[in-house]
Amino acid sequence: MKTNPGAKKRFTLTGTGKIKRKHAFKSHILTKKSKKRKRNLTYFGEVHQADEENIKRLLAMK
């Protein structure tokens, strides 16, 4: 099975097997958002356990 190119750009795998993702809402219309909110959106998050199986399928891991 081929890797989904959109998923390939958006997700990375950690050493422990978890999937990292970037936060949404950080690309434009930033003037009305507080500094604290923008700063917290900067950091990577983890994909929820319920979505992991679908994303691993998109990344052709199973």
Protein backbone atom coordinates (compact mmCIF):
# COMPACT_ATOMS: atom_id res chain seq x y z
CA MET A 1 0.00 0.00 0.00
CA LYS A 2 1.24 3.50 -0.82
CA THR A 3 1.82 6.18 1.79
CA ASN A 4 -0.71 9.01 1.70
CA PRO A 5 1.28 12.13 0.67
CA GLY A 6 -0.86 14.48 2.79
CA ALA A 7 -0.33 12.37 5.91
CA LYS A 8 3.39 12.08 5.15
CA LYS A 9 3.70 15.89 5.35
CA ARG A 10 1.61 16.30 8.49
CA PHE A 11 2.63 13.52 10.86
CA THR A 12 5.94 12.22 12.22
CA LEU A 13 6.64 9.13 14.26
CA THR A 14 8.41 9.33 17.63
CA GLY A 15 10.93 6.82 18.89
CA THR A 16 8.35 5.27 21.19
CA GLY A 17 5.86 4.74 18.36
CA LYS A 18 3.56 7.68 19.07
CA ILE A 19 2.53 10.08 16.31
CA LYS A 20 3.34 13.79 16.52
CA ARG A 21 1.22 16.48 14.89
CA LYS A 22 1.22 20.25 14.63
CA HIS A 23 -1.60 22.37 16.03
CA ALA A 24 -4.14 24.06 13.79
CA PHE A 25 -5.07 27.78 13.85
CA LYS A 26 -1.48 29.08 13.67
CA SER A 27 -1.28 30.14 10.01
CA HIS A 28 -3.24 33.41 9.64
CA ILE A 29 -5.52 35.89 11.45
CA LEU A 30 -3.03 35.96 14.31
CA THR A 31 -3.64 39.55 15.45
CA LYS A 32 -6.75 38.73 17.47
CA LYS A 33 -5.16 35.73 19.18
CA SER A 34 -3.30 36.28 22.45
CA LYS A 35 0.46 35.74 22.77
CA LYS A 36 -0.14 32.88 25.18
CA ARG A 37 -2.52 31.14 22.76
CA LYS A 38 -0.12 31.51 19.81
CA ARG A 39 2.81 30.30 21.89
CA ASN A 40 0.94 27.20 23.02
CA LEU A 41 -0.01 26.41 19.40
CA THR A 42 3.69 26.44 18.46
CA TYR A 43 4.52 23.16 20.19
CA PHE A 44 3.84 19.71 18.77
CA GLY A 45 0.98 17.62 20.11
CA GLU A 46 0.30 13.92 20.06
CA VAL A 47 -2.40 12.25 18.01
CA HIS A 48 -5.26 10.88 20.10
CA GLN A 49 -5.22 7.13 20.65
CA ALA A 50 -8.57 6.74 18.85
CA ASP A 51 -7.10 8.20 15.64
CA GLU A 52 -3.73 6.43 15.70
CA GLU A 53 -4.81 3.33 13.81
CA ASN A 54 -6.26 5.35 10.90
CA ILE A 55 -3.16 7.52 10.63
CA LYS A 56 -0.85 4.52 10.75
CA ARG A 57 -2.86 3.07 7.86
CA LEU A 58 -2.38 6.31 5.91
CA LEU A 59 1.35 6.15 6.61
CA ALA A 60 1.35 2.54 5.34
CA MET A 61 2.65 1.16 8.64
CA LYS A 62 0.22 -1.78 8.86
